[in-house]
Amino acid sequence: MSEYLTQASYPGEIAVGNDRAPVSYKLKASKEDDGSIHVALSLTAPRDWLLKHGFRSEATLMRKKGEPVPVRFEETLNVADNIAVTLHADESVCRSKDELHQRFPELDA
């Protein structure tokens, strides 16, 4: 059973090709029974902006702290989808709190 550690939102930018727009993204960290720490990253972005800039299923989250992260929509985005869509990154696994804070300095505050 996992143990909740922390969850918070942070400002960043979503990049589709050379185009960028401000977004907020959410990090949620939990500790698993084996001691590893799993971090889920998600963000919500406006469907119309994404489509206008050529997004179909993958973009890049530019974090103010930390490395850029690829984010994906579960299918190919089209005008029939909700006006705001949620994009997710692959879950990250850290072996220790030190690694967590190195990879996700946002959570160090």
Protein backbone atom coordinates (compact mmCIF):
# COMPACT_ATOMS: atom_id res chain seq x y z
CA MET A 1 0.00 0.00 0.00
CA SER A 2 1.36 3.41 -0.93
CA GLU A 3 1.87 6.28 1.52
CA TYR A 4 0.99 9.78 0.32
CA LEU A 5 3.96 12.16 0.64
CA THR A 6 3.08 15.45 -1.04
CA GLN A 7 1.12 17.10 -3.83
CA ALA A 8 1.43 20.64 -5.19
CA SER A 9 0.98 22.78 -8.29
CA TYR A 10 3.74 24.75 -10.00
CA PRO A 11 3.95 27.21 -12.93
CA GLY A 12 5.60 26.16 -16.17
CA GLU A 13 5.14 26.34 -19.92
CA ILE A 14 3.80 23.86 -22.43
CA ALA A 15 5.74 23.68 -25.68
CA VAL A 16 4.34 22.43 -28.98
CA GLY A 17 7.00 22.82 -31.63
CA ASN A 18 8.36 26.37 -31.23
CA ASP A 19 5.17 27.67 -29.58
CA ARG A 20 4.80 28.03 -25.82
CA ALA A 21 2.04 28.93 -23.39
CA PRO A 22 1.94 29.21 -19.59
CA VAL A 23 0.40 26.30 -17.68
CA SER A 24 0.28 24.98 -14.15
CA TYR A 25 1.32 21.42 -13.53
CA LYS A 26 0.73 19.12 -10.59
CA LEU A 27 3.19 16.77 -8.94
CA LYS A 28 2.00 14.02 -6.61
CA ALA A 29 4.55 11.92 -4.72
CA SER A 30 3.85 8.69 -2.85
CA LYS A 31 6.10 6.16 -1.15
CA GLU A 32 5.58 2.50 -2.02
CA ASP A 33 6.08 -0.53 0.25
CA ASP A 34 9.50 -1.23 -1.29
CA GLY A 35 10.70 2.27 -0.27
CA SER A 36 10.64 3.72 -3.77
CA ILE A 37 8.98 7.08 -4.34
CA HIS A 38 6.61 7.39 -7.30
CA VAL A 39 5.91 10.80 -8.80
CA ALA A 40 2.93 11.48 -11.05
CA LEU A 41 2.93 14.65 -13.16
CA SER A 42 -0.12 16.07 -14.93
CA LEU A 43 -1.36 19.34 -16.36
CA THR A 44 -4.51 20.72 -17.92
CA ALA A 45 -4.24 22.71 -21.15
CA PRO A 46 -6.74 24.42 -23.45
CA ARG A 47 -7.78 22.14 -26.31
CA ASP A 48 -8.12 24.95 -28.85
CA TRP A 49 -4.63 26.34 -28.17
CA LEU A 50 -3.15 22.87 -28.52
CA LEU A 51 -4.94 22.21 -31.81
CA LYS A 52 -4.06 25.65 -33.20
CA HIS A 53 -0.37 24.92 -32.61
CA GLY A 54 -0.38 21.47 -34.20
CA PHE A 55 -0.63 19.28 -31.09
CA ARG A 56 -1.99 15.80 -31.67
CA SER A 57 -0.86 13.64 -28.73
CA GLU A 58 2.50 14.81 -27.27
CA ALA A 59 4.03 18.08 -26.05
CA THR A 60 6.82 19.14 -23.69
CA LEU A 61 6.38 20.66 -20.25
CA MET A 62 9.07 23.26 -19.61
CA ARG A 63 9.54 23.38 -15.84
CA LYS A 64 11.01 26.46 -14.14
CA LYS A 65 13.05 24.08 -12.00
CA GLY A 66 14.17 20.76 -13.41
CA GLU A 67 14.38 19.13 -16.79
CA PRO A 68 11.75 19.38 -19.57
CA VAL A 69 9.24 16.53 -19.45
CA PRO A 70 7.29 14.96 -22.33
CA VAL A 71 3.53 14.95 -21.65
CA ARG A 72 0.90 13.02 -23.58
CA PHE A 73 -2.80 12.93 -24.27
CA GLU A 74 -4.22 9.41 -24.17
CA GLU A 75 -5.46 9.55 -27.78
CA THR A 76 -5.17 11.89 -30.76
CA LEU A 77 -6.65 15.25 -29.78
CA ASN A 78 -9.52 16.61 -31.90
CA VAL A 79 -12.34 19.17 -31.64
CA ALA A 80 -14.70 16.60 -30.11
CA ASP A 81 -12.56 16.45 -26.93
CA ASN A 82 -13.25 18.58 -23.83
CA ILE A 83 -12.30 22.26 -24.06
CA ALA A 84 -9.61 21.64 -21.42
CA VAL A 85 -7.67 18.39 -21.61
CA THR A 86 -5.40 16.66 -19.13
CA LEU A 87 -1.94 15.58 -20.24
CA HIS A 88 0.20 13.13 -18.24
CA ALA A 89 3.89 12.31 -18.06
CA ASP A 90 5.19 8.80 -17.52
CA GLU A 91 5.36 8.10 -13.79
CA SER A 92 8.84 8.66 -12.36
CA VAL A 93 10.37 6.36 -9.77
CA CYS A 94 12.99 7.62 -7.31
CA ARG A 95 14.97 5.35 -4.99
CA SER A 96 15.38 7.93 -2.20
CA LYS A 97 14.28 11.36 -1.02
CA ASP A 98 17.64 12.73 -2.17
CA GLU A 99 16.97 11.48 -5.71
CA LEU A 100 13.41 12.85 -5.48
CA HIS A 101 14.67 16.34 -4.60
CA GLN A 102 17.36 16.18 -7.28
CA ARG A 103 14.91 15.21 -10.05
CA PHE A 104 12.03 17.33 -8.73
CA PRO A 105 13.52 20.39 -7.01
CA GLU A 106 10.01 21.89 -6.88
CA LEU A 107 9.26 19.43 -4.05
CA ASP A 108 12.26 20.64 -2.03
CA ALA A 109 10.45 23.72 -0.76
